[in-house]
Amino acid sequence: MAIDNLFEAVGGRPTLEKVHKLFYDKLYEHSWLGEFFKEIPQKVIENQQTDFMVSNMGGGKIYSGALPKNGHKHMFISEELFDLRSKILRESILACGVPEDLTERWVKIDYAFKHSLVKKNVEECEKRFFTDEILNFPKP
């Protein structure tokens, strides 16, 4: 019998944690994407992303952080940057043994938030707090 709930089908929280560990290992090491994470402990962002995806994959509404649009409004995330991140996510999911069909479902959920993250230019960015800086890093 097929499992409709993606959270259960991929193997639950342990699989999400494994994928997000590998994914963020790659992002933190990346010469361009890594710039966005310099001030954030990796384990914090891994846990946030895991909770966020648990909530969006049918594992229960446990995420209590900022919604993507508000949490990323100070970051200039271009289409190219988002697509690069998506490629690394897909590779990480597959590398952790998630079957192709479930990987596609996972990436589709992640991709649904693209419109909340991608901006056409840096002028579309807004500070979240008075002390925020607009994060805009040139492609190396």
N, C-alpha and C. Protein backbone atom coordinates (compact mmCIF):
# COMPACT_ATOMS: atom_id res chain seq x y z
N MET A 1 0.84 -1.18 0.00
CA MET A 1 0.00 0.00 0.00
C MET A 1 0.89 1.24 0.00
N ALA A 2 0.60 2.20 -0.87
CA ALA A 2 1.37 3.43 -0.98
C ALA A 2 1.07 4.35 0.20
N ILE A 3 2.08 5.08 0.61
CA ILE A 3 1.92 6.04 1.69
C ILE A 3 1.73 7.42 1.05
N ASP A 4 0.58 8.05 1.33
CA ASP A 4 0.30 9.37 0.76
C ASP A 4 1.06 10.48 1.47
N ASN A 5 1.31 10.30 2.74
CA ASN A 5 1.99 11.29 3.56
C ASN A 5 3.49 11.26 3.22
N LEU A 6 3.99 12.31 2.60
CA LEU A 6 5.40 12.35 2.18
C LEU A 6 6.34 12.22 3.37
N PHE A 7 5.99 12.83 4.49
CA PHE A 7 6.83 12.75 5.68
C PHE A 7 7.09 11.29 6.06
N GLU A 8 6.05 10.48 6.11
CA GLU A 8 6.21 9.07 6.44
C GLU A 8 6.89 8.31 5.32
N ALA A 9 6.56 8.63 4.07
CA ALA A 9 7.10 7.90 2.92
C ALA A 9 8.62 8.03 2.81
N VAL A 10 9.17 9.20 3.18
CA VAL A 10 10.63 9.38 3.08
C VAL A 10 11.37 8.81 4.28
N GLY A 11 10.65 8.44 5.32
CA GLY A 11 11.30 7.87 6.50
C GLY A 11 11.24 8.75 7.73
N GLY A 12 10.40 9.78 7.70
CA GLY A 12 10.19 10.61 8.88
C GLY A 12 11.33 11.56 9.19
N ARG A 13 11.32 12.05 10.40
CA ARG A 13 12.28 13.06 10.83
C ARG A 13 13.74 12.61 10.68
N PRO A 14 14.08 11.35 10.96
CA PRO A 14 15.48 10.96 10.79
C PRO A 14 16.00 11.20 9.37
N THR A 15 15.17 10.96 8.36
CA THR A 15 15.59 11.20 6.98
C THR A 15 15.73 12.68 6.72
N LEU A 16 14.78 13.48 7.18
CA LEU A 16 14.88 14.93 6.98
C LEU A 16 16.14 15.47 7.64
N GLU A 17 16.44 15.01 8.84
CA GLU A 17 17.65 15.47 9.54
C GLU A 17 18.91 15.09 8.78
N LYS A 18 18.95 13.87 8.26
CA LYS A 18 20.11 13.40 7.49
C LYS A 18 20.29 14.23 6.23
N VAL A 19 19.20 14.47 5.51
CA VAL A 19 19.26 15.27 4.28
C VAL A 19 19.70 16.70 4.60
N HIS A 20 19.11 17.31 5.62
CA HIS A 20 19.43 18.69 5.92
C HIS A 20 20.86 18.84 6.45
N LYS A 21 21.39 17.85 7.12
CA LYS A 21 22.79 17.90 7.54
C LYS A 21 23.69 17.94 6.32
N LEU A 22 23.47 17.03 5.36
CA LEU A 22 24.28 17.00 4.15
C LEU A 22 24.08 18.28 3.33
N PHE A 23 22.83 18.70 3.18
CA PHE A 23 22.48 19.88 2.40
C PHE A 23 23.20 21.12 2.95
N TYR A 24 23.10 21.33 4.25
CA TYR A 24 23.73 22.51 4.82
C TYR A 24 25.24 22.40 4.92
N ASP A 25 25.77 21.19 5.02
CA ASP A 25 27.22 21.02 4.90
C ASP A 25 27.67 21.60 3.55
N LYS A 26 26.93 21.28 2.50
CA LYS A 26 27.26 21.76 1.16
C LYS A 26 27.06 23.27 1.04
N LEU A 27 25.95 23.78 1.59
CA LEU A 27 25.68 25.22 1.49
C LEU A 27 26.72 26.04 2.25
N TYR A 28 27.06 25.59 3.45
CA TYR A 28 28.02 26.35 4.26
C TYR A 28 29.40 26.36 3.61
N GLU A 29 29.73 25.33 2.86
CA GLU A 29 31.03 25.25 2.18
C GLU A 29 31.02 25.97 0.83
N HIS A 30 29.86 26.25 0.29
CA HIS A 30 29.75 26.84 -1.04
C HIS A 30 30.25 28.29 -1.03
N SER A 31 31.03 28.66 -2.05
CA SER A 31 31.63 30.00 -2.08
C SER A 31 30.61 31.13 -2.20
N TRP A 32 29.45 30.88 -2.75
CA TRP A 32 28.43 31.93 -2.90
C TRP A 32 27.32 31.77 -1.86
N LEU A 33 26.70 30.60 -1.84
CA LEU A 33 25.60 30.36 -0.91
C LEU A 33 26.05 30.46 0.55
N GLY A 34 27.27 30.04 0.82
CA GLY A 34 27.78 30.06 2.18
C GLY A 34 27.82 31.45 2.80
N GLU A 35 27.91 32.48 1.96
CA GLU A 35 27.94 33.86 2.47
C GLU A 35 26.69 34.20 3.27
N PHE A 36 25.56 33.62 2.89
CA PHE A 36 24.29 33.92 3.56
C PHE A 36 24.19 33.31 4.96
N PHE A 37 25.07 32.38 5.27
CA PHE A 37 24.95 31.63 6.52
C PHE A 37 26.07 31.91 7.52
N LYS A 38 26.96 32.82 7.21
CA LYS A 38 28.13 33.05 8.06
C LYS A 38 27.80 33.39 9.51
N GLU A 39 26.69 34.04 9.75
CA GLU A 39 26.35 34.49 11.10
C GLU A 39 25.38 33.53 11.82
N ILE A 40 25.04 32.40 11.20
CA ILE A 40 24.05 31.49 11.77
C ILE A 40 24.70 30.13 12.05
N PRO A 41 24.64 29.65 13.28
CA PRO A 41 25.16 28.31 13.56
C PRO A 41 24.43 27.27 12.69
N GLN A 42 25.19 26.39 12.07
CA GLN A 42 24.61 25.43 11.13
C GLN A 42 23.52 24.57 11.75
N LYS A 43 23.73 24.12 12.96
CA LYS A 43 22.73 23.25 13.59
C LYS A 43 21.39 23.97 13.76
N VAL A 44 21.43 25.26 14.02
CA VAL A 44 20.20 26.05 14.17
C VAL A 44 19.42 26.05 12.87
N ILE A 45 20.09 26.32 11.77
CA ILE A 45 19.39 26.38 10.48
C ILE A 45 18.93 24.99 10.03
N GLU A 46 19.71 23.96 10.34
CA GLU A 46 19.29 22.58 10.03
C GLU A 46 17.98 22.25 10.76
N ASN A 47 17.93 22.58 12.05
CA ASN A 47 16.73 22.29 12.85
C ASN A 47 15.53 23.08 12.35
N GLN A 48 15.74 24.35 12.01
CA GLN A 48 14.63 25.16 11.49
C GLN A 48 14.09 24.58 10.19
N GLN A 49 15.00 24.23 9.28
CA GLN A 49 14.56 23.70 8.00
C GLN A 49 13.87 22.35 8.17
N THR A 50 14.37 21.54 9.08
CA THR A 50 13.73 20.24 9.33
C THR A 50 12.33 20.45 9.87
N ASP A 51 12.17 21.30 10.88
CA ASP A 51 10.83 21.58 11.42
C ASP A 51 9.91 22.14 10.34
N PHE A 52 10.43 23.04 9.51
CA PHE A 52 9.64 23.64 8.45
C PHE A 52 9.14 22.58 7.47
N MET A 53 10.03 21.68 7.07
CA MET A 53 9.64 20.66 6.10
C MET A 53 8.77 19.57 6.74
N VAL A 54 8.98 19.25 8.00
CA VAL A 54 8.07 18.33 8.70
C VAL A 54 6.65 18.88 8.58
N SER A 55 6.51 20.16 8.86
CA SER A 55 5.19 20.80 8.82
C SER A 55 4.60 20.84 7.41
N ASN A 56 5.43 20.90 6.40
CA ASN A 56 4.95 21.00 5.02
C ASN A 56 4.84 19.66 4.31
N MET A 57 5.32 18.60 4.95
CA MET A 57 5.26 17.26 4.37
C MET A 57 4.20 16.38 5.02
N GLY A 58 3.45 16.93 5.95
CA GLY A 58 2.40 16.14 6.59
C GLY A 58 2.81 15.50 7.90
N GLY A 59 3.89 15.99 8.52
CA GLY A 59 4.36 15.42 9.77
C GLY A 59 3.86 16.15 11.01
N GLY A 60 2.94 17.06 10.84
CA GLY A 60 2.41 17.83 11.97
C GLY A 60 2.93 19.24 11.94
N LYS A 61 2.13 20.15 12.43
CA LYS A 61 2.48 21.57 12.41
C LYS A 61 3.34 21.90 13.62
N ILE A 62 4.66 21.70 13.45
CA ILE A 62 5.58 21.95 14.57
C ILE A 62 6.44 23.19 14.35
N TYR A 63 6.47 23.71 13.14
CA TYR A 63 7.32 24.86 12.83
C TYR A 63 6.72 26.13 13.42
N SER A 64 7.55 26.89 14.14
CA SER A 64 7.05 28.12 14.76
C SER A 64 7.89 29.34 14.38
N GLY A 65 8.76 29.18 13.39
CA GLY A 65 9.62 30.28 12.98
C GLY A 65 8.94 31.21 11.99
N ALA A 66 9.74 32.11 11.45
CA ALA A 66 9.24 33.07 10.46
C ALA A 66 8.85 32.36 9.18
N LEU A 67 7.83 32.88 8.53
CA LEU A 67 7.46 32.37 7.22
C LEU A 67 8.56 32.78 6.23
N PRO A 68 8.73 32.01 5.15
CA PRO A 68 9.84 32.28 4.23
C PRO A 68 9.94 33.72 3.76
N LYS A 69 8.83 34.34 3.40
CA LYS A 69 8.88 35.71 2.88
C LYS A 69 9.45 36.67 3.93
N ASN A 70 8.98 36.57 5.16
CA ASN A 70 9.46 37.47 6.22
C ASN A 70 10.88 37.13 6.68
N GLY A 71 11.20 35.87 6.72
CA GLY A 71 12.52 35.46 7.19
C GLY A 71 13.64 35.75 6.21
N HIS A 72 13.29 35.95 4.93
CA HIS A 72 14.30 36.14 3.90
C HIS A 72 14.19 37.50 3.20
N LYS A 73 13.36 38.39 3.70
CA LYS A 73 13.13 39.64 2.98
C LYS A 73 14.36 40.54 2.91
N HIS A 74 15.33 40.31 3.79
CA HIS A 74 16.55 41.10 3.79
C HIS A 74 17.66 40.49 2.93
N MET A 75 17.33 39.40 2.23
CA MET A 75 18.31 38.70 1.40
C MET A 75 17.98 38.87 -0.08
N PHE A 76 18.98 39.26 -0.85
CA PHE A 76 18.78 39.31 -2.30
C PHE A 76 19.05 37.91 -2.84
N ILE A 77 17.95 37.20 -3.06
CA ILE A 77 18.01 35.84 -3.61
C ILE A 77 17.51 35.93 -5.05
N SER A 78 18.44 35.79 -5.97
CA SER A 78 18.11 35.85 -7.39
C SER A 78 17.58 34.50 -7.85
N GLU A 79 17.02 34.49 -9.03
CA GLU A 79 16.56 33.24 -9.65
C GLU A 79 17.72 32.24 -9.76
N GLU A 80 18.87 32.73 -10.19
CA GLU A 80 20.05 31.87 -10.34
C GLU A 80 20.46 31.26 -8.99
N LEU A 81 20.45 32.06 -7.97
CA LEU A 81 20.83 31.60 -6.64
C LEU A 81 19.83 30.56 -6.12
N PHE A 82 18.55 30.82 -6.32
CA PHE A 82 17.53 29.88 -5.89
C PHE A 82 17.67 28.55 -6.65
N ASP A 83 17.90 28.61 -7.95
CA ASP A 83 18.05 27.39 -8.75
C ASP A 83 19.28 26.59 -8.33
N LEU A 84 20.35 27.27 -7.99
CA LEU A 84 21.56 26.60 -7.50
C LEU A 84 21.27 25.88 -6.19
N ARG A 85 20.59 26.57 -5.29
CA ARG A 85 20.21 25.96 -4.01
C ARG A 85 19.32 24.75 -4.23
N SER A 86 18.36 24.85 -5.15
CA SER A 86 17.45 23.73 -5.45
C SER A 86 18.21 22.52 -5.99
N LYS A 87 19.19 22.78 -6.83
CA LYS A 87 20.01 21.69 -7.40
C LYS A 87 20.76 20.95 -6.28
N ILE A 88 21.34 21.72 -5.36
CA ILE A 88 22.08 21.11 -4.24
C ILE A 88 21.13 20.36 -3.32
N LEU A 89 19.94 20.89 -3.11
CA LEU A 89 18.95 20.18 -2.29
C LEU A 89 18.59 18.85 -2.93
N ARG A 90 18.29 18.87 -4.22
CA ARG A 90 17.92 17.63 -4.93
C ARG A 90 19.04 16.59 -4.83
N GLU A 91 20.27 17.02 -5.07
CA GLU A 91 21.43 16.12 -4.97
C GLU A 91 21.55 15.53 -3.57
N SER A 92 21.31 16.36 -2.55
CA SER A 92 21.43 15.91 -1.16
C SER A 92 20.35 14.90 -0.81
N ILE A 93 19.14 15.13 -1.28
CA ILE A 93 18.03 14.20 -1.01
C ILE A 93 18.35 12.85 -1.63
N LEU A 94 18.74 12.85 -2.89
CA LEU A 94 19.07 11.60 -3.58
C LEU A 94 20.26 10.89 -2.93
N ALA A 95 21.27 11.65 -2.52
CA ALA A 95 22.46 11.07 -1.90
C ALA A 95 22.13 10.37 -0.58
N CYS A 96 21.04 10.76 0.04
CA CYS A 96 20.61 10.13 1.30
C CYS A 96 19.69 8.95 1.07
N GLY A 97 19.53 8.53 -0.18
CA GLY A 97 18.80 7.31 -0.48
C GLY A 97 17.30 7.47 -0.67
N VAL A 98 16.82 8.69 -0.80
CA VAL A 98 15.39 8.90 -1.03
C VAL A 98 15.12 8.59 -2.51
N PRO A 99 14.12 7.75 -2.79
CA PRO A 99 13.81 7.40 -4.17
C PRO A 99 13.45 8.63 -5.02
N GLU A 100 13.69 8.52 -6.31
CA GLU A 100 13.49 9.63 -7.25
C GLU A 100 12.08 10.21 -7.17
N ASP A 101 11.05 9.37 -7.12
CA ASP A 101 9.67 9.89 -7.10
C ASP A 101 9.39 10.70 -5.84
N LEU A 102 9.92 10.26 -4.71
CA LEU A 102 9.74 11.00 -3.45
C LEU A 102 10.60 12.26 -3.43
N THR A 103 11.78 12.18 -4.04
CA THR A 103 12.64 13.36 -4.16
C THR A 103 11.93 14.44 -4.95
N GLU A 104 11.27 14.06 -6.02
CA GLU A 104 10.54 15.04 -6.84
C GLU A 104 9.41 15.69 -6.05
N ARG A 105 8.72 14.91 -5.23
CA ARG A 105 7.66 15.47 -4.39
C ARG A 105 8.24 16.46 -3.37
N TRP A 106 9.37 16.10 -2.78
CA TRP A 106 10.04 16.95 -1.79
C TRP A 106 10.47 18.27 -2.45
N VAL A 107 11.13 18.17 -3.59
CA VAL A 107 11.61 19.37 -4.29
C VAL A 107 10.43 20.25 -4.73
N LYS A 108 9.34 19.62 -5.11
CA LYS A 108 8.15 20.39 -5.51
C LYS A 108 7.61 21.22 -4.35
N ILE A 109 7.60 20.65 -3.16
CA ILE A 109 7.16 21.40 -1.97
C ILE A 109 8.11 22.56 -1.71
N ASP A 110 9.40 22.28 -1.75
CA ASP A 110 10.40 23.31 -1.52
C ASP A 110 10.26 24.42 -2.57
N TYR A 111 10.06 24.03 -3.81
CA TYR A 111 9.95 24.98 -4.92
C TYR A 111 8.72 25.87 -4.81
N ALA A 112 7.71 25.41 -4.12
CA ALA A 112 6.48 26.19 -3.95
C ALA A 112 6.73 27.50 -3.21
N PHE A 113 7.86 27.59 -2.50
CA PHE A 113 8.18 28.80 -1.74
C PHE A 113 9.08 29.76 -2.53
N LYS A 114 9.38 29.41 -3.76
CA LYS A 114 10.27 30.24 -4.59
C LYS A 114 9.75 31.67 -4.69
N HIS A 115 8.47 31.83 -4.94
CA HIS A 115 7.90 33.17 -5.11
C HIS A 115 8.05 34.05 -3.86
N SER A 116 8.23 33.42 -2.70
CA SER A 116 8.40 34.17 -1.46
C SER A 116 9.86 34.57 -1.21
N LEU A 117 10.76 33.99 -1.98
CA LEU A 117 12.19 34.19 -1.74
C LEU A 117 12.90 34.99 -2.81
N VAL A 118 12.57 34.71 -4.07
CA VAL A 118 13.30 35.31 -5.19
C VAL A 118 12.86 36.75 -5.42
N LYS A 119 13.87 37.58 -5.65
CA LYS A 119 13.63 38.99 -5.94
C LYS A 119 14.30 39.34 -7.27
N LYS A 120 13.70 40.27 -7.99
CA LYS A 120 14.24 40.69 -9.29
C LYS A 120 15.48 41.57 -9.13
N ASN A 121 15.52 42.34 -8.04
CA ASN A 121 16.67 43.21 -7.79
C ASN A 121 16.78 43.49 -6.29
N VAL A 122 17.91 44.05 -5.91
CA VAL A 122 18.19 44.27 -4.49
C VAL A 122 17.25 45.31 -3.88
N GLU A 123 16.68 46.17 -4.70
CA GLU A 123 15.75 47.17 -4.19
C GLU A 123 14.48 46.54 -3.61
N GLU A 124 14.18 45.32 -3.97
CA GLU A 124 13.02 44.62 -3.42
C GLU A 124 13.27 44.10 -2.00
N CYS A 125 14.51 44.14 -1.55
CA CYS A 125 14.85 43.67 -0.20
C CYS A 125 14.42 44.70 0.83
N GLU A 126 14.09 44.21 2.02
CA GLU A 126 13.73 45.07 3.15
C GLU A 126 14.41 44.54 4.40
N LYS A 127 14.81 45.46 5.26
CA LYS A 127 15.35 45.05 6.55
C LYS A 127 14.22 44.44 7.38
N ARG A 128 14.54 43.39 8.14
CA ARG A 128 13.57 42.84 9.09
C ARG A 128 13.57 43.66 10.36
N PHE A 129 14.75 44.13 10.74
CA PHE A 129 14.94 44.89 11.96
C PHE A 129 15.80 46.11 11.61
N PHE A 130 15.77 47.10 12.45
CA PHE A 130 16.55 48.30 12.22
C PHE A 130 18.04 47.97 12.04
N THR A 131 18.52 47.00 12.80
CA THR A 131 19.95 46.66 12.78
C THR A 131 20.33 45.69 11.65
N ASP A 132 19.36 45.19 10.90
CA ASP A 132 19.64 44.28 9.79
C ASP A 132 20.48 44.94 8.71
N GLU A 133 21.23 44.10 8.02
CA GLU A 133 21.89 44.51 6.79
C GLU A 133 21.20 43.78 5.66
N ILE A 134 21.16 44.40 4.50
CA ILE A 134 20.66 43.71 3.31
C ILE A 134 21.79 42.77 2.86
N LEU A 135 21.48 41.51 2.73
CA LEU A 135 22.48 40.53 2.31
C LEU A 135 22.43 40.40 0.79
N ASN A 136 23.52 40.80 0.17
CA ASN A 136 23.65 40.77 -1.29
C ASN A 136 25.09 40.46 -1.61
N PHE A 137 25.33 39.25 -2.08
CA PHE A 137 26.69 38.81 -2.34
C PHE A 137 26.89 38.53 -3.83
N PRO A 138 27.94 39.08 -4.41
CA PRO A 138 28.18 38.84 -5.83
C PRO A 138 28.58 37.38 -6.08
N LYS A 139 28.26 36.92 -7.24
CA LYS A 139 28.65 35.56 -7.64
C LYS A 139 30.17 35.52 -7.76
N PRO A 140 30.80 34.57 -7.08
CA PRO A 140 32.28 34.49 -7.15
C PRO A 140 32.79 34.12 -8.54
